[in-house]
C-alpha atoms as a PDB file:
ATOM      1  CA  MET A   1     -25.354  94.483  36.919  1.00  0.00           C
ATOM      2  CA  SER A   2     -23.861  96.691  39.804  1.00  0.00           C
ATOM      3  CA  GLY A   3     -23.004 100.559  39.610  1.00  0.00           C
ATOM      4  CA  THR A   4     -19.309  99.565  39.253  1.00  0.00           C
ATOM      5  CA  ALA A   5     -19.915  97.221  35.956  1.00  0.00           C
ATOM      6  CA  GLN A   6     -22.173  99.768  34.634  1.00  0.00           C
ATOM      7  CA  ARG A   7     -19.722 102.569  34.963  1.00  0.00           C
ATOM      8  CA  LEU A   8     -16.945 100.138  33.021  1.00  0.00           C
ATOM      9  CA  ARG A   9     -19.081  99.058  30.366  1.00  0.00           C
ATOM     10  CA  GLU A  10     -20.146 102.503  29.466  1.00  0.00           C
ATOM     11  CA  LEU A  11     -16.354 103.518  29.272  1.00  0.00           C
ATOM     12  CA  ALA A  12     -15.937 100.566  27.334  1.00  0.00           C
ATOM     13  CA  GLU A  13     -18.418 101.396  24.743  1.00  0.00           C
ATOM     14  CA  ARG A  14     -17.046 105.369  24.493  1.00  0.00           C
ATOM     15  CA  LEU A  15     -13.258 103.674  23.773  1.00  0.00           C
ATOM     16  CA  VAL A  16     -14.949 101.421  21.068  1.00  0.00           C
ATOM     17  CA  ALA A  17     -16.563 104.198  19.739  1.00  0.00           C
ATOM     18  CA  LEU A  18     -13.007 106.054  19.516  1.00  0.00           C
ATOM     19  CA  GLU A  19     -11.382 102.834  17.925  1.00  0.00           C
ATOM     20  CA  LEU A  20     -14.073 102.875  15.258  1.00  0.00           C
ATOM     21  CA  GLU A  21     -13.420 106.819  14.636  1.00  0.00           C
ATOM     22  CA  HIS A  22      -9.528 106.307  14.601  1.00  0.00           C
ATOM     23  CA  THR A  23      -8.712 102.794  13.905  1.00  0.00           C
ATOM     24  CA  GLY A  24     -11.631 101.079  12.085  1.00  0.00           C
ATOM     25  CA  PRO A  25     -11.717  97.606  13.659  1.00  0.00           C
ATOM     26  CA  ALA A  26     -14.146  94.848  12.330  1.00  0.00           C
ATOM     27  CA  ALA A  27     -15.337  93.673  15.669  1.00  0.00           C
ATOM     28  CA  ALA A  28     -14.797  94.658  19.389  1.00  0.00           C
ATOM     29  CA  LEU A  29     -15.131  92.345  22.452  1.00  0.00           C
ATOM     30  CA  LEU A  30     -15.091  93.285  26.012  1.00  0.00           C
ATOM     31  CA  THR A  31     -13.943  90.523  28.060  1.00  0.00           C
ATOM     32  CA  GLY A  32     -13.236  89.733  32.052  1.00  0.00           C
ATOM     33  CA  SER A  33     -15.289  90.896  34.952  1.00  0.00           C
ATOM     34  CA  ALA A  34     -16.587  94.110  33.344  1.00  0.00           C
ATOM     35  CA  SER A  35     -18.232  91.799  30.501  1.00  0.00           C
ATOM     36  CA  THR A  36     -19.717  89.372  33.268  1.00  0.00           C
ATOM     37  CA  GLY A  37     -21.151  92.062  35.806  1.00  0.00           C
ATOM     38  CA  GLN A  38     -18.876  91.087  38.505  1.00  0.00           C
ATOM     39  CA  ALA A  39     -16.631  93.753  38.369  1.00  0.00           C
ATOM     40  CA  ASP A  40     -15.137  95.749  41.384  1.00  0.00           C
ATOM     41  CA  GLU A  41     -13.316  98.670  42.423  1.00  0.00           C
ATOM     42  CA  TYR A  42     -10.090  96.846  41.553  1.00  0.00           C
ATOM     43  CA  SER A  43     -11.288  95.800  38.137  1.00  0.00           C
ATOM     44  CA  ASP A  44     -10.109  97.062  34.456  1.00  0.00           C
ATOM     45  CA  ILE A  45     -11.396  96.897  31.217  1.00  0.00           C
ATOM     46  CA  ASP A  46     -10.160  94.565  28.842  1.00  0.00           C
ATOM     47  CA  LEU A  47     -11.101  95.198  25.053  1.00  0.00           C
ATOM     48  CA  ILE A  48     -10.052  93.247  22.302  1.00  0.00           C
ATOM     49  CA  LEU A  49     -10.083  94.887  18.746  1.00  0.00           C
ATOM     50  CA  TYR A  50     -10.342  92.539  15.728  1.00  0.00           C
ATOM     51  CA  PHE A  51      -9.102  93.935  12.495  1.00  0.00           C
ATOM     52  CA  ASP A  52      -9.443  92.438   8.880  1.00  0.00           C
ATOM     53  CA  GLY A  53      -6.241  93.495   7.709  1.00  0.00           C
ATOM     54  CA  SER A  54      -3.220  95.133   9.548  1.00  0.00           C
ATOM     55  CA  ILE A  55      -3.417  96.544  12.937  1.00  0.00           C
ATOM     56  CA  PRO A  56      -3.397 100.218  13.051  1.00  0.00           C
ATOM     57  CA  ASP A  57      -0.258 102.115  13.461  1.00  0.00           C
ATOM     58  CA  ASP A  58       0.984 103.786  16.972  1.00  0.00           C
ATOM     59  CA  GLU A  59      -0.401 107.052  15.576  1.00  0.00           C
ATOM     60  CA  ALA A  60      -3.960 105.846  15.411  1.00  0.00           C
ATOM     61  CA  ILE A  61      -3.776 104.169  18.438  1.00  0.00           C
ATOM     62  CA  GLU A  62      -2.591 107.215  20.272  1.00  0.00           C
ATOM     63  CA  ALA A  63      -5.148 109.325  18.752  1.00  0.00           C
ATOM     64  CA  VAL A  64      -7.687 106.803  20.707  1.00  0.00           C
ATOM     65  CA  ARG A  65      -5.778 107.186  23.802  1.00  0.00           C
ATOM     66  CA  ASP A  66      -5.695 111.363  23.658  1.00  0.00           C
ATOM     67  CA  ALA A  67      -9.174 111.267  22.624  1.00  0.00           C
ATOM     68  CA  ALA A  68     -10.345 109.014  25.681  1.00  0.00           C
ATOM     69  CA  GLY A  69      -8.301 111.468  27.890  1.00  0.00           C
ATOM     70  CA  GLY A  70      -5.996 108.690  29.123  1.00  0.00           C
ATOM     71  CA  GLY A  71      -2.681 108.778  31.161  1.00  0.00           C
ATOM     72  CA  GLU A  72       0.819 107.720  30.257  1.00  0.00           C
ATOM     73  CA  ALA A  73       0.148 104.507  27.823  1.00  0.00           C
ATOM     74  CA  MET A  74       2.375 101.380  28.576  1.00  0.00           C
ATOM     75  CA  PRO A  75       2.772  98.348  25.968  1.00  0.00           C
ATOM     76  CA  ILE A  76       1.744  95.018  27.022  1.00  0.00           C
ATOM     77  CA  GLY A  77       4.241  92.914  25.342  1.00  0.00           C
ATOM     78  CA  PRO A  78       6.147  93.978  22.195  1.00  0.00           C
ATOM     79  CA  ARG A  79       4.615  95.018  18.908  1.00  0.00           C
ATOM     80  CA  LEU A  80       3.988  92.462  16.572  1.00  0.00           C
ATOM     81  CA  ALA A  81       2.868  92.589  12.732  1.00  0.00           C
ATOM     82  CA  ASN A  82      -0.317  90.856  13.682  1.00  0.00           C
ATOM     83  CA  ALA A  83      -0.944  92.087  17.513  1.00  0.00           C
ATOM     84  CA  TYR A  84      -0.359  94.888  19.893  1.00  0.00           C
ATOM     85  CA  ALA A  85      -1.743  95.639  23.052  1.00  0.00           C
ATOM     86  CA  ILE A  86      -1.424  98.549  25.550  1.00  0.00           C
ATOM     87  CA  GLN A  87      -2.799  99.809  28.683  1.00  0.00           C
ATOM     88  CA  PHE A  88      -3.189 103.513  30.292  1.00  0.00           C
ATOM     89  CA  PRO A  89      -5.628 105.041  32.823  1.00  0.00           C
ATOM     90  CA  VAL A  90      -8.731 106.832  32.200  1.00  0.00           C
ATOM     91  CA  ASP A  91     -10.479 108.483  35.149  1.00  0.00           C
ATOM     92  CA  GLY A  92      -8.530 105.782  37.590  1.00  0.00           C
ATOM     93  CA  VAL A  93      -9.715 102.991  35.622  1.00  0.00           C
ATOM     94  CA  GLN A  94      -6.756 100.979  34.073  1.00  0.00           C
ATOM     95  CA  VAL A  95      -7.619 100.301  30.353  1.00  0.00           C
ATOM     96  CA  GLN A  96      -6.072  97.189  28.189  1.00  0.00           C
ATOM     97  CA  LEU A  97      -6.731  97.734  24.435  1.00  0.00           C
ATOM     98  CA  ALA A  98      -5.445  94.714  22.374  1.00  0.00           C
ATOM     99  CA  HIS A  99      -5.478  95.002  18.697  1.00  0.00           C
ATOM    100  CA  GLU A 100      -5.347  91.945  16.701  1.00  0.00           C
ATOM    101  CA  THR A 101      -5.986  90.677  13.213  1.00  0.00           C
ATOM    102  CA  LEU A 102      -8.648  88.340  12.618  1.00  0.00           C
ATOM    103  CA  ALA A 103      -6.343  85.943  10.997  1.00  0.00           C
ATOM    104  CA  SER A 104      -4.043  85.825  14.178  1.00  0.00           C
ATOM    105  CA  VAL A 105      -6.802  85.049  16.247  1.00  0.00           C
ATOM    106  CA  GLU A 106      -8.095  81.930  13.986  1.00  0.00           C
ATOM    107  CA  ALA A 107      -4.408  80.958  14.161  1.00  0.00           C
ATOM    108  CA  ASP A 108      -4.737  80.841  17.794  1.00  0.00           C
ATOM    109  CA  ILE A 109      -8.077  79.003  17.772  1.00  0.00           C
ATOM    110  CA  ALA A 110      -6.652  76.508  15.558  1.00  0.00           C
ATOM    111  CA  LYS A 111      -3.693  75.854  17.958  1.00  0.00           C
ATOM    112  CA  VAL A 112      -5.824  74.590  20.528  1.00  0.00           C
ATOM    113  CA  VAL A 113      -9.234  72.931  18.546  1.00  0.00           C
ATOM    114  CA  ASP A 114      -6.886  71.537  15.773  1.00  0.00           C
ATOM    115  CA  GLU A 115      -3.380  71.060  17.033  1.00  0.00           C
ATOM    116  CA  LEU A 116      -4.557  70.304  20.645  1.00  0.00           C
ATOM    117  CA  GLU A 117      -2.211  72.299  22.531  1.00  0.00           C
ATOM    118  CA  VAL A 118      -4.095  72.577  25.339  1.00  0.00           C
ATOM    119  CA  ASP A 119      -1.957  73.562  28.272  1.00  0.00           C
ATOM    120  CA  THR A 120      -1.509  77.535  27.077  1.00  0.00           C
ATOM    121  CA  PRO A 121      -2.838  80.761  28.014  1.00  0.00           C
ATOM    122  CA  LEU A 122      -4.524  81.113  24.613  1.00  0.00           C
ATOM    123  CA  GLN A 123      -7.370  79.151  26.543  1.00  0.00           C
ATOM    124  CA  LYS A 124      -7.842  82.297  28.662  1.00  0.00           C
ATOM    125  CA  ALA A 125      -8.440  84.017  25.160  1.00  0.00           C
ATOM    126  CA  LEU A 126     -11.240  81.482  24.025  1.00  0.00           C
ATOM    127  CA  GLU A 127     -12.857  81.538  27.362  1.00  0.00           C
ATOM    128  CA  GLY A 128     -13.091  85.289  26.978  1.00  0.00           C
ATOM    129  CA  LEU A 129     -14.283  84.809  23.518  1.00  0.00           C
ATOM    130  CA  HIS A 130     -17.431  82.839  24.477  1.00  0.00           C
ATOM    131  CA  THR A 131     -18.044  84.708  27.797  1.00  0.00           C
ATOM    132  CA  GLY A 132     -17.260  88.458  26.374  1.00  0.00           C
ATOM    133  CA  LEU A 133     -19.623  90.918  25.532  1.00  0.00           C
ATOM    134  CA  ALA A 134     -19.522  91.827  21.445  1.00  0.00           C
ATOM    135  CA  LEU A 135     -19.675  95.831  21.455  1.00  0.00           C
ATOM    136  CA  HIS A 136     -19.152  96.049  17.821  1.00  0.00           C
ATOM    137  CA  GLY A 137     -19.318  93.242  14.805  1.00  0.00           C
ATOM    138  CA  ALA A 138     -21.533  90.620  16.573  1.00  0.00           C
ATOM    139  CA  GLU A 139     -21.473  88.467  13.490  1.00  0.00           C
ATOM    140  CA  THR A 140     -17.936  88.445  13.353  1.00  0.00           C
ATOM    141  CA  ILE A 141     -17.413  87.316  17.030  1.00  0.00           C
ATOM    142  CA  GLU A 142     -19.974  84.634  16.467  1.00  0.00           C
ATOM    143  CA  ARG A 143     -18.119  83.235  13.643  1.00  0.00           C
ATOM    144  CA  LEU A 144     -15.034  83.008  15.670  1.00  0.00           C
ATOM    145  CA  ARG A 145     -16.964  81.496  18.282  1.00  0.00           C
ATOM    146  CA  GLN A 146     -18.591  78.980  15.908  1.00  0.00           C
ATOM    147  CA  ARG A 147     -15.037  77.949  15.119  1.00  0.00           C
ATOM    148  CA  ALA A 148     -13.786  77.682  18.739  1.00  0.00           C
ATOM    149  CA  VAL A 149     -15.639  74.501  19.533  1.00  0.00           C
ATOM    150  CA  TYR A 150     -14.725  72.168  22.501  1.00  0.00           C
ATOM    151  CA  SER A 151     -14.650  68.884  20.825  1.00  0.00           C
ATOM    152  CA  ASP A 152     -14.371  65.482  21.945  1.00  0.00           C
ATOM    153  CA  GLU A 153     -10.780  65.647  21.044  1.00  0.00           C
ATOM    154  CA  VAL A 154     -10.145  68.508  23.035  1.00  0.00           C
ATOM    155  CA  GLN A 155     -11.620  67.055  26.090  1.00  0.00           C
ATOM    156  CA  ARG A 156      -9.284  64.029  25.533  1.00  0.00           C
ATOM    157  CA  ALA A 157      -6.187  66.091  25.013  1.00  0.00           C
ATOM    158  CA  MET A 158      -7.019  68.068  28.308  1.00  0.00           C
ATOM    159  CA  VAL A 159      -7.678  64.887  30.250  1.00  0.00           C
ATOM    160  CA  LYS A 160      -4.245  63.412  29.160  1.00  0.00           C
ATOM    161  CA  THR A 161      -2.129  66.607  29.186  1.00  0.00           C
ATOM    162  CA  PHE A 162      -3.162  67.297  32.910  1.00  0.00           C
ATOM    163  CA  TRP A 163      -3.011  63.564  34.200  1.00  0.00           C
ATOM    164  CA  ARG A 164       0.282  64.263  35.749  1.00  0.00           C
ATOM    165  CA  PHE A 165       0.822  64.075  39.399  1.00  0.00           C
ATOM    166  CA  TYR A 166       3.863  63.911  41.518  1.00  0.00           C
ATOM    167  CA  PRO A 167       3.010  60.959  43.926  1.00  0.00           C
ATOM    168  CA  LEU A 168       3.507  62.713  47.444  1.00  0.00           C
ATOM    169  CA  TRP A 169       1.361  60.190  48.991  1.00  0.00           C
ATOM    170  CA  TYR A 170       4.288  57.717  48.311  1.00  0.00           C
ATOM    171  CA  VAL A 171       6.623  59.877  50.652  1.00  0.00           C
ATOM    172  CA  ALA A 172       4.143  61.240  53.001  1.00  0.00           C
ATOM    173  CA  ASP A 173       6.050  59.587  56.245  1.00  0.00           C
ATOM    174  CA  GLN A 174       9.226  61.198  55.032  1.00  0.00           C
ATOM    175  CA  LEU A 175       7.848  64.955  54.612  1.00  0.00           C
ATOM    176  CA  GLU A 176       7.921  66.089  58.042  1.00  0.00           C
ATOM    177  CA  ARG A 177      11.500  64.693  58.350  1.00  0.00           C
ATOM    178  CA  ARG A 178      12.890  66.403  55.144  1.00  0.00           C
ATOM    179  CA  ASP A 179      11.822  69.891  56.191  1.00  0.00           C
ATOM    180  CA  ALA A 180      10.216  70.312  52.436  1.00  0.00           C
ATOM    181  CA  LEU A 181       7.554  72.638  53.205  1.00  0.00           C
ATOM    182  CA  VAL A 182       8.342  74.812  50.152  1.00  0.00           C
ATOM    183  CA  TRP A 183       8.526  72.096  47.846  1.00  0.00           C
ATOM    184  CA  ARG A 184       5.449  70.565  49.217  1.00  0.00           C
ATOM    185  CA  TYR A 185       3.765  73.516  48.386  1.00  0.00           C
ATOM    186  CA  GLU A 186       4.845  73.570  44.951  1.00  0.00           C
ATOM    187  CA  VAL A 187       3.914  70.170  44.448  1.00  0.00           C
ATOM    188  CA  MET A 188       0.274  70.733  45.858  1.00  0.00           C
ATOM    189  CA  ALA A 189      -0.225  73.885  43.573  1.00  0.00           C
ATOM    190  CA  GLN A 190       0.645  71.995  40.703  1.00  0.00           C
ATOM    191  CA  SER A 191      -1.506  69.103  41.724  1.00  0.00           C
ATOM    192  CA  ALA A 192      -4.283  71.395  42.299  1.00  0.00           C
ATOM    193  CA  TYR A 193      -3.951  72.753  38.523  1.00  0.00           C
ATOM    194  CA  ASN A 194      -3.914  69.447  37.437  1.00  0.00           C
ATOM    195  CA  VAL A 195      -6.986  68.368  39.140  1.00  0.00           C
ATOM    196  CA  LEU A 196      -8.821  71.325  37.783  1.00  0.00           C
ATOM    197  CA  GLY A 197      -7.383  70.786  34.031  1.00  0.00           C
ATOM    198  CA  VAL A 198      -8.596  67.400  34.088  1.00  0.00           C
ATOM    199  CA  LEU A 199     -12.066  68.396  35.467  1.00  0.00           C
ATOM    200  CA  ALA A 200     -12.143  71.068  33.209  1.00  0.00           C
ATOM    201  CA  GLY A 201     -11.590  68.758  29.944  1.00  0.00           C
ATOM    202  CA  LEU A 202     -14.500  66.366  31.230  1.00  0.00           C
ATOM    203  CA  ASN A 203     -16.641  69.595  31.648  1.00  0.00           C
ATOM    204  CA  ARG A 204     -15.905  71.042  28.439  1.00  0.00           C
ATOM    205  CA  VAL A 205     -14.733  74.450  30.192  1.00  0.00           C
ATOM    206  CA  TRP A 206     -11.715  76.511  28.800  1.00  0.00           C
ATOM    207  CA  PHE A 207      -9.013  76.289  31.335  1.00  0.00           C
ATOM    208  CA  THR A 208      -5.628  77.654  31.903  1.00  0.00           C
ATOM    209  CA  THR A 209      -3.374  77.838  34.595  1.00  0.00           C
ATOM    210  CA  PHE A 210      -2.201  81.697  33.601  1.00  0.00           C
ATOM    211  CA  GLN A 211      -3.431  83.862  36.678  1.00  0.00           C
ATOM    212  CA  LEU A 212      -5.881  81.613  37.552  1.00  0.00           C
ATOM    213  CA  LYS A 213      -8.607  83.838  39.752  1.00  0.00           C
ATOM    214  CA  ARG A 214     -12.300  83.074  40.568  1.00  0.00           C
ATOM    215  CA  MET A 215     -11.611  79.483  41.336  1.00  0.00           C
ATOM    216  CA  GLY A 216     -14.808  78.980  43.176  1.00  0.00           C
ATOM    217  CA  LYS A 217     -16.816  80.121  39.930  1.00  0.00           C
ATOM    218  CA  LEU A 218     -14.567  77.705  37.993  1.00  0.00           C
ATOM    219  CA  VAL A 219     -15.493  74.871  40.015  1.00  0.00           C
ATOM    220  CA  ASP A 220     -19.258  76.008  40.154  1.00  0.00           C
ATOM    221  CA  SER A 221     -19.172  75.753  36.523  1.00  0.00           C
ATOM    222  CA  PHE A 222     -18.394  71.664  36.684  1.00  0.00           C
ATOM    223  CA  GLU A 223     -21.035  69.072  36.345  1.00  0.00           C
ATOM    224  CA  LEU A 224     -18.876  66.404  37.078  1.00  0.00           C
ATOM    225  CA  ALA A 225     -16.379  66.750  39.765  1.00  0.00           C
ATOM    226  CA  PRO A 226     -15.585  65.469  43.244  1.00  0.00           C
ATOM    227  CA  PRO A 227     -17.807  66.750  46.257  1.00  0.00           C
ATOM    228  CA  GLU A 228     -16.871  69.820  48.051  1.00  0.00           C
ATOM    229  CA  LEU A 229     -14.372  70.430  45.564  1.00  0.00           C
ATOM    230  CA  THR A 230     -13.035  74.059  46.267  1.00  0.00           C
ATOM    231  CA  GLU A 231     -12.954  73.322  50.097  1.00  0.00           C
ATOM    232  CA  ARG A 232     -10.860  70.072  49.471  1.00  0.00           C
ATOM    233  CA  LEU A 233      -8.329  71.753  46.945  1.00  0.00           C
ATOM    234  CA  GLU A 234      -7.593  74.591  49.585  1.00  0.00           C
ATOM    235  CA  ALA A 235      -7.154  71.650  52.168  1.00  0.00           C
ATOM    236  CA  LEU A 236      -4.312  70.661  49.921  1.00  0.00           C
ATOM    237  CA  PHE A 237      -2.372  73.566  51.521  1.00  0.00           C
ATOM    238  CA  ASP A 238      -3.136  72.638  55.200  1.00  0.00           C
ATOM    239  CA  PRO A 239      -0.401  73.318  57.473  1.00  0.00           C
ATOM    240  CA  ASP A 240      -0.205  69.583  58.360  1.00  0.00           C
ATOM    241  CA  ALA A 241       1.393  67.517  55.955  1.00  0.00           C
ATOM    242  CA  LYS A 242      -0.177  64.214  56.551  1.00  0.00           C
ATOM    243  CA  THR A 243      -3.784  65.713  56.288  1.00  0.00           C
ATOM    244  CA  ALA A 244      -2.842  67.613  52.945  1.00  0.00           C
ATOM    245  CA  VAL A 245      -1.307  64.492  51.403  1.00  0.00           C
ATOM    246  CA  ALA A 246      -4.378  62.178  52.514  1.00  0.00           C
ATOM    247  CA  GLU A 247      -6.666  64.870  50.813  1.00  0.00           C
ATOM    248  CA  LEU A 248      -4.646  64.836  47.560  1.00  0.00           C
ATOM    249  CA  GLU A 249      -4.648  61.064  47.419  1.00  0.00           C
ATOM    250  CA  ARG A 250      -8.528  60.986  47.897  1.00  0.00           C
ATOM    251  CA  LEU A 251      -8.706  63.783  45.122  1.00  0.00           C
ATOM    252  CA  VAL A 252      -6.546  62.140  42.632  1.00  0.00           C
ATOM    253  CA  GLY A 253      -8.455  58.922  42.884  1.00  0.00           C
ATOM    254  CA  GLU A 254     -11.962  60.329  42.783  1.00  0.00           C
ATOM    255  CA  THR A 255     -10.668  62.351  39.805  1.00  0.00           C
ATOM    256  CA  ARG A 256      -9.576  59.080  37.863  1.00  0.00           C
ATOM    257  CA  ASP A 257     -12.757  57.505  38.676  1.00  0.00           C
ATOM    258  CA  LEU A 258     -14.496  60.445  36.724  1.00  0.00           C
ATOM    259  CA  ALA A 259     -12.025  60.305  33.859  1.00  0.00           C
ATOM    260  CA  ARG A 260     -12.359  56.623  33.134  1.00  0.00           C
ATOM    261  CA  GLN A 261     -16.093  56.611  33.136  1.00  0.00           C
ATOM    262  CA  ARG A 262     -15.879  59.038  29.976  1.00  0.00           C
ATOM    263  CA  PHE A 263     -12.409  57.756  28.414  1.00  0.00           C
ATOM    264  CA  PRO A 264     -12.162  54.256  29.742  1.00  0.00           C
ATOM    265  CA  ASP A 265      -9.389  53.595  27.303  1.00  0.00           C
ATOM    266  CA  LEU A 266      -6.971  56.412  28.414  1.00  0.00           C
ATOM    267  CA  ASP A 267      -3.992  55.287  30.320  1.00  0.00           C
ATOM    268  CA  LEU A 268      -4.319  56.974  33.437  1.00  0.00           C
ATOM    269  CA  SER A 269      -1.882  55.201  35.493  1.00  0.00           C
ATOM    270  CA  LEU A 270       0.566  56.978  37.992  1.00  0.00           C
ATOM    271  CA  THR A 271       4.296  56.665  38.594  1.00  0.00           C
ATOM    272  CA  ARG A 272       3.536  55.396  42.085  1.00  0.00           C
ATOM    273  CA  GLU A 273      -0.203  53.935  42.609  1.00  0.00           C
ATOM    274  CA  LEU A 274      -2.538  55.164  44.960  1.00  0.00           C
ATOM    275  CA  SER A 275      -2.058  53.588  48.650  1.00  0.00           C
ATOM    276  CA  THR A 276       1.544  52.816  47.962  1.00  0.00           C
ATOM    277  CA  ARG A 277       4.010  53.799  50.484  1.00  0.00           C
ATOM    278  CA  HIS A 278       8.053  54.077  50.666  1.00  0.00           C
ATOM    279  CA  LEU A 279       8.767  51.839  53.365  1.00  0.00           C
ATOM    280  CA  PRO A 280      11.821  52.474  55.673  1.00  0.00           C
ATOM    281  CA  PHE A 281      14.859  49.904  55.421  1.00  0.00           C
ATOM    282  CA  SER A 282      15.131  47.665  58.823  1.00  0.00           C
END
């Protein structure tokens, strides 16, 4: 672990001790790069505090900030009956404290694993739940982890949900004439997300397009993936439209082959099939 990561973990442990003194959480989880040991000088502290009953009032949360020597606090979203998060600096480090009831967390888990709402930032929370570091209430956190299971149904829902590709290959010959650079990049970005979403499902990896960072690490976690995936996803943004579109067409085809091996019954057709082209009229 780097010295930076160690410093952040020590600060996180101090904050948890203050939360236990002033708010009494049932469990505390450190997520993000500070929990995985990959923190750098731009990293912040992401702490989730879980509560059996209601979340603490503003006075108790303010007491934690005061005792930590924190700077001016800013809310992260509105205060809800079951969740409230704030951020403030401590010794130059940005601290984010999320206070949430266990009932709310369990409801969020159910949305993904039971109701199969998979295209959601909630997957970022589930990824953090499984990879984060328990600083208090390890048994409670383990119970939540056991509830958040990546089932076959979640896999299938991921593939079905993210199988949505605009067929740029069909209009490839028109792109340079249509002055469509910004739109092409928009489609490529969405296509890259969708390739990653399908592959994340096949590999049982929690995934969301929300603030996607450390793409290389995500790709490295895939056992099933087209070869040299990171480099090929970056190639989708090649200035040359024909080069980029040709790579997209190959990636979609290879991703479909992998998906069909796991789910041969799924309809993985495209609005315009691979290798088809819009021909000019004579």
